[in-house]
Amino acid sequence: MSSAVNPTSSGLERDARRMHEDDKPLSPGSVAIGVVIGRTSEFFDFFVYGLGSILVFPKLIFPFAPNPVVATLMSFALFPLAFLARPVGSFVFMWIDRNYGRGTKLTTALVILGGSTASIAFLPGYDTIGYWAVALLALFRLGQGFALGGAWDGLASLLNLSAPDNRRGWYAMIPQLGAPIGFALASVLFGYFVSTLSQEDFISWGWRYPFFVAFAINVVALFARLRIVASKEFGAAMEAQELQARPVFEMLSKHSTDVVLGAFVPLASFAMFHLVTIFPLSWVTLTGGQSAAQFLWVQVAGAALGAVGIVLSGVLADRIGRRNQLMAGAILIAIFSFSAPFLLDAGGKGQDAFILIGFFILGLSFGQSSGAVSSRFSQPYRYTGAALTSDLAWLVGAGFAPLVALGLASSFGIIFIGGYLISGAICTIAALTLTRALDRT
């Protein structure tokens, strides 16, 4: 990729490209920072919505529900819409990538993502506009998912391509750090307003500020990512067909089995993902044990332990192999599933232990879950294949987790979330076993 201005480039991309006119090479450290900033912004948007779906929307959007549990279930029913829209976004934005460039794609996607999240901040409640409040919230949630499908930029693949053979696990975990950072930022903001405002003021206006912040974070993340997309190293990788956007159906005609396996390999960590972030806050809020404000700060501490687990996963994966690391993580999640229900039902101290232990185990598994079988994709289809695989993995493993977990726990007892967790672990172990068998044939 030359430094000449591409007529299909976005204005921000052209500004970012001018930063490389001194021919200074892009370091792996710069790529890593851009990747973490980008992932943090995406997870921040999603976690702000997730926390709002517990603390705000049941009261603001679903006050007509017969009780708080049903109101929260209604709120969680809108939660999966983003994960359903994400593959559609990938399909549309792959076409934009091929025809108008990755800068245009990223600019459009992140404006829609930040705009959808910020728009929720202006959302009137059910008491003001009736069922239109539900419809608008659903529309903005679909917008988040659709845009996230276009936010796939290939930077994690570029980082992986620059990794030494003996440091693949370390480089693979770096993008995953965006999840605990994004969750911690969202939790700190909500925790501050929940703890300092009255319930009336929080529901009236306090909850809106975290959604405003999302747009500013997305602007910073957009420029950080465009700076890398405009680099010569990124262009060289594209020209080598490592990061080309190919038609989705063309990719599926050659790699459909790899997409399915790739969607199931990270299922253990993805199933656990929302069971330590979103679901436990809803359970504590509905059943007691401690206040939402107290629990949010515990979750911030859990996110820090999750980040430690992610970093440790990189060290372990380089010693024992990424596949063995994922297998070990799935086994740990399966073991944890037997104690998780009892910890959540054991009052404040048990709930704190659930969060701290759960986040650390999640970090160990989640740290290597991204692109776990991307090496199975041939070079021309790696970019598109990894994007669609990620979309499906999040949809199957995480999209419905809060709704299913709360539905099972409230209807049949908290013990059933253990069964949900262990089912994800079994899927991961089976998929890893099958990929190993296929690799040997």
Foldseek 3Di string as FASTA:
>chain_A
DDLDDDPLADPLLNVLSVVCPVVDADDLVLLLVLLLLLLLLLLLLLLLLLVCLQLAQLVFAVVVDPDSLVSSLLSLVLQLLLLVLQLVLLQVLLVCCVPRNLNVLQVVLLQLQLVLLLVLLVQGGCVVVNNVSVVSVSVSSSSNSSSVSSNQRCSLVLSQVPDDPLQNLQSLLSSVLSNLSSLLVSLVQVLVLVVPDDSVCCNVRSSSVSSNVSSVSSVVSSSSNSSVCSGVSVVVLVVVLQARRDRLVVQCVPCVVVLVLLLQQLLLLLQLVCVLRRQLLNVCPVPNQDDSSVVSVLLNVLSVLLSVLLNVLSVVCSVVNLLVQLLVLLVVLLVVLQCLLVLSVPGNVSSSVSNNVSSNSSSSNVSSSQCVPLVVRPRNCSNSSSSSSVSSNNSVRHSSNNSVQSVCCVPPRNSCSSVSSNVSSVSNNVSSVVVVVVVVD
